Structures are given as C-alpha cells and as structure tokens.
Amino acid sequence: MKKLSLLFAVGFAVIGSSMAQMIIPGEVFAANPARFNGRPTTIKNIEIVQENATGGPSIGGPAGSMSVGAPGPAGSPSAPNNTPCRPPRGFSQVNLLFKGAPEFNGCFFMSDVMKTQMDRECGHHNTPATVSFRGESRVGYNITAYKLGL
C-alpha cells in the first residue's frame, strides 16, 4: 500500500510539473496564436502601449503601435476575425506591442478595474511587461495578470 501511494504521489508530481506554465517570448506567440487557443499563456518581450486623452499613442510610443485590432498587410501573422476589437461589457481593450513581431495584430482586453490600476502603475507611459491571458484568436484574449518591468 505504501508503494502504491508513493507511485500516485510521484505520478501527480510529474503530471503537475509537465502542465506548469512557461513564459514564452511574444514573437513565438505572434507566429502562431491559434496554437495557444483556450490555454493559459504567459508572454514576455512585449510593451503595454498607453493612450493619451485624445485616443492617440502617448508621446514616445513606437510608430505603428496603435495598429492592434486593425487588419495587417497581406501575409502578416494577424489574429483573424477580430477587427475591430470588441471587448465584453466591463472590459477595456489593452494595446500591446510585440517587440519581436511589431506587425502582429491581436485583440487583448482586461477588466475595467484592472485596466484603471494598470494605467496608474504605468504612469501613462509605454511600459515593458509580462502578461498572462487566456482566449482564442478569433474573439480575443482576456488578460488575467500582468507584471510591469523586465
């Protein structure tokens, strides 16, 4: 009986560690977003792009950074059928710039309360971040957690 319980404990540990979430580079996600459909995903090497009160990119924002949700040029790795990005009620769109794949267009959103807090923490400046989310390339990705800085 002791060996059987040890076998189960080791088995659960192996399964748990194999299902552990890894942080992947943003360009890997951008190359094939459908591969991560429905799975919790954490990406790095991105930047949260802030908007000013007029809706444009904040000063110092990279060129083309506001293209999230807009159709990309032919052949670019953009998430299909999410133009324009329509977050659910109670959620706000979050503009992300993928540093390794700036042409990537995706629909990312988070709860209004979380977005307000993130804006305060960013100080309305573009900020490097790591974000965790879950979603689907056709409808968008719900950001569930973020970590600012490198």
N, C-alpha and C. Protein backbone atom coordinates (compact mmCIF):
# COMPACT_ATOMS: atom_id res chain seq x y z
N MET A 1 0.82 -1.19 0.00
CA MET A 1 0.00 0.00 0.00
C MET A 1 0.87 1.26 0.00
N LYS A 2 1.97 1.17 0.74
CA LYS A 2 2.87 2.31 0.81
C LYS A 2 3.48 2.61 -0.56
N LYS A 3 3.83 1.55 -1.31
CA LYS A 3 4.41 1.73 -2.64
C LYS A 3 3.37 2.31 -3.61
N LEU A 4 2.13 1.89 -3.47
CA LEU A 4 1.07 2.39 -4.35
C LEU A 4 0.82 3.88 -4.11
N SER A 5 0.78 4.30 -2.85
CA SER A 5 0.57 5.73 -2.57
C SER A 5 1.77 6.55 -3.03
N LEU A 6 2.97 6.01 -2.90
CA LEU A 6 4.16 6.70 -3.39
C LEU A 6 4.11 6.83 -4.91
N LEU A 7 3.66 5.79 -5.59
CA LEU A 7 3.53 5.81 -7.04
C LEU A 7 2.54 6.90 -7.48
N PHE A 8 1.41 6.99 -6.79
CA PHE A 8 0.43 8.03 -7.11
C PHE A 8 0.99 9.43 -6.85
N ALA A 9 1.69 9.59 -5.75
CA ALA A 9 2.27 10.90 -5.43
C ALA A 9 3.28 11.33 -6.48
N VAL A 10 4.14 10.41 -6.89
CA VAL A 10 5.13 10.72 -7.93
C VAL A 10 4.43 10.99 -9.26
N GLY A 11 3.41 10.21 -9.56
CA GLY A 11 2.66 10.41 -10.80
C GLY A 11 2.01 11.78 -10.86
N PHE A 12 1.38 12.20 -9.77
CA PHE A 12 0.76 13.53 -9.74
C PHE A 12 1.81 14.63 -9.84
N ALA A 13 2.96 14.43 -9.21
CA ALA A 13 4.02 15.43 -9.28
C ALA A 13 4.54 15.59 -10.71
N VAL A 14 4.71 14.46 -11.40
CA VAL A 14 5.18 14.51 -12.79
C VAL A 14 4.15 15.18 -13.68
N ILE A 15 2.89 14.84 -13.52
CA ILE A 15 1.83 15.45 -14.33
C ILE A 15 1.73 16.94 -14.02
N GLY A 16 1.79 17.32 -12.76
CA GLY A 16 1.72 18.73 -12.38
C GLY A 16 2.86 19.54 -12.94
N SER A 17 4.06 19.00 -12.90
CA SER A 17 5.21 19.75 -13.41
C SER A 17 5.19 19.83 -14.93
N SER A 18 4.65 18.83 -15.60
CA SER A 18 4.58 18.90 -17.05
C SER A 18 3.52 19.88 -17.52
N MET A 19 2.52 20.15 -16.70
CA MET A 19 1.46 21.09 -17.06
C MET A 19 1.78 22.50 -16.58
N ALA A 20 2.92 22.69 -15.94
CA ALA A 20 3.29 24.01 -15.43
C ALA A 20 3.42 24.98 -16.60
N GLN A 21 3.04 26.20 -16.36
CA GLN A 21 3.03 27.20 -17.40
C GLN A 21 4.40 27.82 -17.57
N MET A 22 4.84 27.93 -18.81
CA MET A 22 6.12 28.56 -19.10
C MET A 22 5.87 29.94 -19.68
N ILE A 23 6.81 30.82 -19.51
CA ILE A 23 6.74 32.15 -20.10
C ILE A 23 7.40 32.06 -21.46
N ILE A 24 6.63 32.39 -22.49
CA ILE A 24 7.16 32.30 -23.84
C ILE A 24 7.39 33.70 -24.41
N PRO A 25 8.32 33.86 -25.33
CA PRO A 25 8.52 35.16 -25.97
C PRO A 25 7.31 35.55 -26.81
N GLY A 26 7.03 36.84 -26.87
CA GLY A 26 5.89 37.33 -27.63
C GLY A 26 5.94 36.97 -29.09
N GLU A 27 7.13 36.93 -29.69
CA GLU A 27 7.23 36.59 -31.11
C GLU A 27 6.86 35.15 -31.40
N VAL A 28 7.07 34.25 -30.44
CA VAL A 28 6.65 32.86 -30.61
C VAL A 28 5.12 32.78 -30.63
N PHE A 29 4.48 33.53 -29.73
CA PHE A 29 3.02 33.59 -29.73
C PHE A 29 2.51 34.21 -31.02
N ALA A 30 3.12 35.30 -31.46
CA ALA A 30 2.67 36.01 -32.66
C ALA A 30 2.81 35.16 -33.92
N ALA A 31 3.78 34.25 -33.95
CA ALA A 31 3.99 33.41 -35.12
C ALA A 31 2.83 32.44 -35.34
N ASN A 32 2.19 31.98 -34.27
CA ASN A 32 1.08 31.03 -34.41
C ASN A 32 0.16 31.15 -33.20
N PRO A 33 -0.69 32.19 -33.14
CA PRO A 33 -1.54 32.38 -31.97
C PRO A 33 -2.59 31.28 -31.80
N ALA A 34 -3.02 30.65 -32.89
CA ALA A 34 -4.04 29.61 -32.80
C ALA A 34 -3.53 28.40 -32.01
N ARG A 35 -2.23 28.23 -31.95
CA ARG A 35 -1.63 27.11 -31.20
C ARG A 35 -1.94 27.21 -29.71
N PHE A 36 -2.22 28.41 -29.23
CA PHE A 36 -2.44 28.63 -27.81
C PHE A 36 -3.92 28.85 -27.47
N ASN A 37 -4.82 28.59 -28.42
CA ASN A 37 -6.25 28.79 -28.19
C ASN A 37 -6.74 28.00 -26.98
N GLY A 38 -7.42 28.70 -26.07
CA GLY A 38 -8.02 28.06 -24.91
C GLY A 38 -7.04 27.68 -23.81
N ARG A 39 -5.78 27.93 -23.99
CA ARG A 39 -4.78 27.56 -22.98
C ARG A 39 -4.30 28.79 -22.24
N PRO A 40 -4.10 28.69 -20.93
CA PRO A 40 -3.50 29.82 -20.22
C PRO A 40 -2.08 30.05 -20.75
N THR A 41 -1.77 31.27 -21.09
CA THR A 41 -0.49 31.60 -21.72
C THR A 41 0.11 32.82 -21.05
N THR A 42 1.42 32.82 -20.87
CA THR A 42 2.13 33.97 -20.36
C THR A 42 3.20 34.33 -21.37
N ILE A 43 3.22 35.61 -21.77
CA ILE A 43 4.19 36.05 -22.76
C ILE A 43 5.04 37.19 -22.20
N LYS A 44 6.26 37.27 -22.72
CA LYS A 44 7.19 38.33 -22.35
C LYS A 44 7.65 39.01 -23.63
N ASN A 45 8.53 39.98 -23.50
CA ASN A 45 9.07 40.71 -24.64
C ASN A 45 7.98 41.51 -25.35
N ILE A 46 7.11 42.13 -24.55
CA ILE A 46 6.05 42.98 -25.08
C ILE A 46 6.09 44.31 -24.36
N GLU A 47 5.32 45.24 -24.87
CA GLU A 47 5.22 46.56 -24.26
C GLU A 47 3.75 46.96 -24.22
N ILE A 48 3.31 47.46 -23.08
CA ILE A 48 1.95 47.97 -22.96
C ILE A 48 1.98 49.40 -23.48
N VAL A 49 1.16 49.66 -24.49
CA VAL A 49 1.14 50.97 -25.13
C VAL A 49 -0.01 51.76 -24.53
N GLN A 50 0.32 52.90 -23.94
CA GLN A 50 -0.69 53.76 -23.33
C GLN A 50 -1.23 54.75 -24.34
N GLU A 51 -2.45 55.20 -24.11
CA GLU A 51 -3.06 56.22 -24.95
C GLU A 51 -3.21 57.49 -24.14
N ASN A 52 -3.16 58.63 -24.84
CA ASN A 52 -3.42 59.88 -24.14
C ASN A 52 -4.91 60.18 -24.21
N ALA A 53 -5.36 61.29 -23.71
CA ALA A 53 -6.78 61.60 -23.62
C ALA A 53 -7.45 61.74 -24.98
N THR A 54 -6.70 62.03 -26.04
CA THR A 54 -7.29 62.19 -27.36
C THR A 54 -7.39 60.88 -28.11
N GLY A 55 -6.94 59.79 -27.51
CA GLY A 55 -7.06 58.48 -28.13
C GLY A 55 -5.85 58.08 -28.97
N GLY A 56 -4.86 58.95 -29.09
CA GLY A 56 -3.67 58.63 -29.86
C GLY A 56 -2.62 57.99 -28.98
N PRO A 57 -1.54 57.51 -29.59
CA PRO A 57 -0.48 56.92 -28.77
C PRO A 57 0.18 57.99 -27.93
N SER A 58 0.67 57.61 -26.78
CA SER A 58 1.34 58.57 -25.92
C SER A 58 2.66 58.98 -26.55
N ILE A 59 3.17 60.12 -26.12
CA ILE A 59 4.42 60.63 -26.67
C ILE A 59 5.52 59.62 -26.38
N GLY A 60 6.31 59.34 -27.39
CA GLY A 60 7.39 58.38 -27.23
C GLY A 60 6.97 56.98 -27.60
N GLY A 61 5.72 56.79 -28.01
CA GLY A 61 5.26 55.47 -28.43
C GLY A 61 5.85 55.09 -29.77
N PRO A 62 6.10 53.81 -30.00
CA PRO A 62 6.68 53.37 -31.26
C PRO A 62 5.70 53.59 -32.41
N ALA A 63 6.24 53.80 -33.59
CA ALA A 63 5.40 54.00 -34.77
C ALA A 63 4.63 52.74 -35.07
N GLY A 64 3.37 52.89 -35.42
CA GLY A 64 2.53 51.74 -35.74
C GLY A 64 2.05 50.99 -34.53
N SER A 65 2.24 51.54 -33.34
CA SER A 65 1.89 50.80 -32.13
C SER A 65 0.39 50.75 -31.90
N MET A 66 -0.37 51.62 -32.53
CA MET A 66 -1.80 51.65 -32.32
C MET A 66 -2.54 50.77 -33.32
N SER A 67 -1.85 49.86 -33.98
CA SER A 67 -2.48 49.04 -35.01
C SER A 67 -3.15 47.80 -34.45
N VAL A 68 -3.22 47.66 -33.15
CA VAL A 68 -3.84 46.48 -32.55
C VAL A 68 -5.30 46.42 -32.95
N GLY A 69 -5.72 45.29 -33.50
CA GLY A 69 -7.11 45.12 -33.91
C GLY A 69 -7.36 45.55 -35.34
N ALA A 70 -6.42 46.20 -35.98
CA ALA A 70 -6.59 46.62 -37.36
C ALA A 70 -6.03 45.55 -38.28
N PRO A 71 -6.57 45.43 -39.48
CA PRO A 71 -6.05 44.41 -40.38
C PRO A 71 -4.60 44.69 -40.76
N GLY A 72 -3.78 43.67 -40.79
CA GLY A 72 -2.38 43.83 -41.14
C GLY A 72 -2.17 43.65 -42.62
N PRO A 73 -0.97 43.91 -43.11
CA PRO A 73 -0.68 43.70 -44.51
C PRO A 73 -0.77 42.23 -44.87
N ALA A 74 -0.94 41.95 -46.14
CA ALA A 74 -1.09 40.56 -46.60
C ALA A 74 0.10 39.74 -46.13
N GLY A 75 -0.19 38.58 -45.58
CA GLY A 75 0.86 37.68 -45.14
C GLY A 75 1.36 37.93 -43.74
N SER A 76 0.87 38.96 -43.06
CA SER A 76 1.34 39.21 -41.70
C SER A 76 0.61 38.29 -40.73
N PRO A 77 1.26 37.92 -39.63
CA PRO A 77 0.63 37.00 -38.69
C PRO A 77 -0.37 37.72 -37.80
N SER A 78 -1.54 38.01 -38.32
CA SER A 78 -2.54 38.71 -37.52
C SER A 78 -3.63 37.75 -37.10
N ALA A 79 -4.23 38.02 -35.96
CA ALA A 79 -5.32 37.18 -35.47
C ALA A 79 -6.55 37.45 -36.33
N PRO A 80 -7.16 36.43 -36.90
CA PRO A 80 -8.28 36.63 -37.81
C PRO A 80 -9.57 37.00 -37.09
N ASN A 81 -10.46 37.67 -37.80
CA ASN A 81 -11.83 37.97 -37.38
C ASN A 81 -11.94 38.74 -36.08
N ASN A 82 -10.99 39.58 -35.75
CA ASN A 82 -11.12 40.37 -34.54
C ASN A 82 -11.07 41.86 -34.84
N THR A 83 -11.43 42.24 -36.05
CA THR A 83 -11.42 43.64 -36.45
C THR A 83 -12.84 44.13 -36.49
N PRO A 84 -13.22 45.13 -35.80
CA PRO A 84 -12.47 45.76 -34.73
C PRO A 84 -12.56 44.95 -33.45
N CYS A 85 -11.68 45.24 -32.53
CA CYS A 85 -11.66 44.54 -31.25
C CYS A 85 -12.85 45.02 -30.42
N ARG A 86 -13.68 44.08 -30.01
CA ARG A 86 -14.86 44.42 -29.20
C ARG A 86 -14.81 43.66 -27.88
N PRO A 87 -14.22 44.29 -26.85
CA PRO A 87 -14.18 43.63 -25.54
C PRO A 87 -15.59 43.48 -24.97
N PRO A 88 -15.81 42.47 -24.14
CA PRO A 88 -17.11 42.32 -23.49
C PRO A 88 -17.41 43.49 -22.56
N ARG A 89 -18.66 43.62 -22.16
CA ARG A 89 -19.05 44.68 -21.23
C ARG A 89 -18.27 44.54 -19.94
N GLY A 90 -17.77 45.65 -19.42
CA GLY A 90 -16.98 45.63 -18.19
C GLY A 90 -15.51 45.40 -18.43
N PHE A 91 -15.10 45.34 -19.69
CA PHE A 91 -13.70 45.11 -20.05
C PHE A 91 -13.24 46.23 -20.97
N SER A 92 -11.94 46.51 -20.98
CA SER A 92 -11.35 47.53 -21.83
C SER A 92 -10.24 46.92 -22.66
N GLN A 93 -10.08 47.44 -23.87
CA GLN A 93 -9.02 46.97 -24.75
C GLN A 93 -7.66 47.41 -24.22
N VAL A 94 -6.68 46.54 -24.35
CA VAL A 94 -5.31 46.83 -23.95
C VAL A 94 -4.46 46.73 -25.21
N ASN A 95 -3.71 47.78 -25.49
CA ASN A 95 -2.85 47.80 -26.68
C ASN A 95 -1.47 47.27 -26.32
N LEU A 96 -1.08 46.19 -26.99
CA LEU A 96 0.22 45.56 -26.75
C LEU A 96 1.07 45.67 -28.00
N LEU A 97 2.34 45.96 -27.82
CA LEU A 97 3.31 45.96 -28.90
C LEU A 97 4.23 44.78 -28.68
N PHE A 98 4.27 43.88 -29.64
CA PHE A 98 5.16 42.73 -29.59
C PHE A 98 6.49 43.19 -30.17
N LYS A 99 7.52 43.29 -29.34
CA LYS A 99 8.80 43.84 -29.78
C LYS A 99 9.44 43.00 -30.88
N GLY A 100 9.29 41.69 -30.83
CA GLY A 100 9.88 40.82 -31.84
C GLY A 100 9.02 40.67 -33.08
N ALA A 101 7.76 41.10 -33.03
CA ALA A 101 6.84 41.00 -34.17
C ALA A 101 5.89 42.19 -34.13
N PRO A 102 6.39 43.40 -34.43
CA PRO A 102 5.55 44.59 -34.29
C PRO A 102 4.36 44.62 -35.24
N GLU A 103 4.36 43.78 -36.27
CA GLU A 103 3.24 43.76 -37.21
C GLU A 103 2.07 42.90 -36.72
N PHE A 104 2.24 42.20 -35.59
CA PHE A 104 1.18 41.34 -35.08
C PHE A 104 -0.01 42.16 -34.59
N ASN A 105 -1.20 41.74 -34.97
CA ASN A 105 -2.44 42.41 -34.56
C ASN A 105 -3.26 41.41 -33.77
N GLY A 106 -3.60 41.73 -32.56
CA GLY A 106 -4.43 40.85 -31.75
C GLY A 106 -5.37 41.67 -30.88
N CYS A 107 -6.41 41.03 -30.39
CA CYS A 107 -7.39 41.72 -29.55
C CYS A 107 -7.16 41.26 -28.11
N PHE A 108 -6.62 42.15 -27.28
CA PHE A 108 -6.37 41.86 -25.87
C PHE A 108 -7.22 42.80 -25.04
N PHE A 109 -7.81 42.27 -23.98
CA PHE A 109 -8.64 43.10 -23.11
C PHE A 109 -8.52 42.61 -21.67
N MET A 110 -8.86 43.51 -20.72
CA MET A 110 -8.86 43.18 -19.30
C MET A 110 -9.99 43.92 -18.63
N SER A 111 -10.34 43.52 -17.41
CA SER A 111 -11.44 44.16 -16.70
C SER A 111 -11.14 45.64 -16.51
N ASP A 112 -12.20 46.45 -16.48
CA ASP A 112 -12.05 47.90 -16.34
C ASP A 112 -11.29 48.27 -15.07
N VAL A 113 -11.59 47.59 -13.97
CA VAL A 113 -10.92 47.89 -12.70
C VAL A 113 -9.42 47.60 -12.81
N MET A 114 -9.08 46.47 -13.39
CA MET A 114 -7.69 46.09 -13.55
C MET A 114 -6.97 47.05 -14.50
N LYS A 115 -7.65 47.47 -15.55
CA LYS A 115 -7.07 48.41 -16.53
C LYS A 115 -6.78 49.76 -15.87
N THR A 116 -7.71 50.24 -15.04
CA THR A 116 -7.50 51.51 -14.34
C THR A 116 -6.27 51.43 -13.44
N GLN A 117 -6.14 50.33 -12.71
CA GLN A 117 -4.98 50.14 -11.83
C GLN A 117 -3.69 50.06 -12.64
N MET A 118 -3.71 49.35 -13.76
CA MET A 118 -2.51 49.22 -14.59
C MET A 118 -2.11 50.59 -15.15
N ASP A 119 -3.09 51.39 -15.56
CA ASP A 119 -2.78 52.73 -16.08
C ASP A 119 -2.10 53.59 -15.01
N ARG A 120 -2.57 53.47 -13.77
CA ARG A 120 -1.93 54.21 -12.67
C ARG A 120 -0.50 53.75 -12.47
N GLU A 121 -0.28 52.45 -12.51
CA GLU A 121 1.06 51.90 -12.29
C GLU A 121 2.01 52.27 -13.43
N CYS A 122 1.49 52.32 -14.66
CA CYS A 122 2.32 52.69 -15.81
C CYS A 122 2.63 54.17 -15.84
N GLY A 123 1.81 54.98 -15.18
CA GLY A 123 2.01 56.42 -15.20
C GLY A 123 1.78 57.01 -16.58
N HIS A 124 0.92 56.37 -17.35
CA HIS A 124 0.57 56.80 -18.70
C HIS A 124 1.79 56.87 -19.62
N HIS A 125 2.74 55.95 -19.41
CA HIS A 125 3.90 55.81 -20.28
C HIS A 125 3.91 54.38 -20.81
N ASN A 126 4.47 54.19 -22.00
CA ASN A 126 4.63 52.84 -22.54
C ASN A 126 5.58 52.07 -21.63
N THR A 127 5.19 50.86 -21.28
CA THR A 127 5.91 50.11 -20.26
C THR A 127 6.13 48.67 -20.69
N PRO A 128 7.37 48.15 -20.58
CA PRO A 128 7.60 46.73 -20.84
C PRO A 128 6.86 45.90 -19.79
N ALA A 129 6.37 44.73 -20.21
CA ALA A 129 5.57 43.93 -19.29
C ALA A 129 5.60 42.46 -19.68
N THR A 130 5.11 41.66 -18.77
CA THR A 130 4.81 40.25 -18.98
C THR A 130 3.34 40.09 -18.66
N VAL A 131 2.56 39.47 -19.55
CA VAL A 131 1.13 39.33 -19.32
C VAL A 131 0.71 37.87 -19.43
N SER A 132 -0.27 37.51 -18.61
CA SER A 132 -0.88 36.18 -18.65
C SER A 132 -2.30 36.36 -19.14
N PHE A 133 -2.74 35.47 -20.02
CA PHE A 133 -4.07 35.58 -20.58
C PHE A 133 -4.58 34.23 -21.03
N ARG A 134 -5.84 34.23 -21.40
CA ARG A 134 -6.48 33.04 -21.95
C ARG A 134 -7.50 33.52 -22.96
N GLY A 135 -7.63 32.83 -24.05
CA GLY A 135 -8.60 33.24 -25.05
C GLY A 135 -8.44 32.46 -26.33
N GLU A 136 -8.95 33.07 -27.38
CA GLU A 136 -8.95 32.43 -28.69
C GLU A 136 -8.64 33.48 -29.74
N SER A 137 -7.94 33.09 -30.79
CA SER A 137 -7.51 34.04 -31.80
C SER A 137 -8.68 34.69 -32.53
N ARG A 138 -9.83 34.04 -32.58
CA ARG A 138 -10.99 34.61 -33.30
C ARG A 138 -11.71 35.69 -32.51
N VAL A 139 -11.77 35.57 -31.19
CA VAL A 139 -12.57 36.51 -30.39
C VAL A 139 -11.73 37.42 -29.50
N GLY A 140 -10.52 37.06 -29.19
CA GLY A 140 -9.66 37.89 -28.38
C GLY A 140 -9.15 37.17 -27.15
N TYR A 141 -8.31 37.87 -26.40
CA TYR A 141 -7.63 37.30 -25.26
C TYR A 141 -7.90 38.13 -24.01
N ASN A 142 -8.36 37.47 -22.96
CA ASN A 142 -8.62 38.12 -21.67
C ASN A 142 -7.37 38.08 -20.82
N ILE A 143 -6.79 39.23 -20.56
CA ILE A 143 -5.59 39.31 -19.72
C ILE A 143 -6.02 39.13 -18.27
N THR A 144 -5.43 38.14 -17.62
CA THR A 144 -5.80 37.82 -16.24
C THR A 144 -4.77 38.32 -15.23
N ALA A 145 -3.54 38.55 -15.68
CA ALA A 145 -2.49 39.04 -14.78
C ALA A 145 -1.43 39.75 -15.61
N TYR A 146 -0.73 40.67 -14.97
CA TYR A 146 0.36 41.36 -15.64
C TYR A 146 1.46 41.65 -14.64
N LYS A 147 2.66 41.82 -15.15
CA LYS A 147 3.80 42.20 -14.33
C LYS A 147 4.56 43.26 -15.13
N LEU A 148 4.69 44.44 -14.57
CA LEU A 148 5.35 45.54 -15.27
C LEU A 148 6.84 45.46 -15.07
N GLY A 149 7.59 45.94 -16.03
CA GLY A 149 9.04 45.92 -15.98
C GLY A 149 9.58 44.70 -16.68
N LEU A 150 10.90 44.59 -16.68
CA LEU A 150 11.52 43.46 -17.36
C LEU A 150 11.67 42.32 -16.46
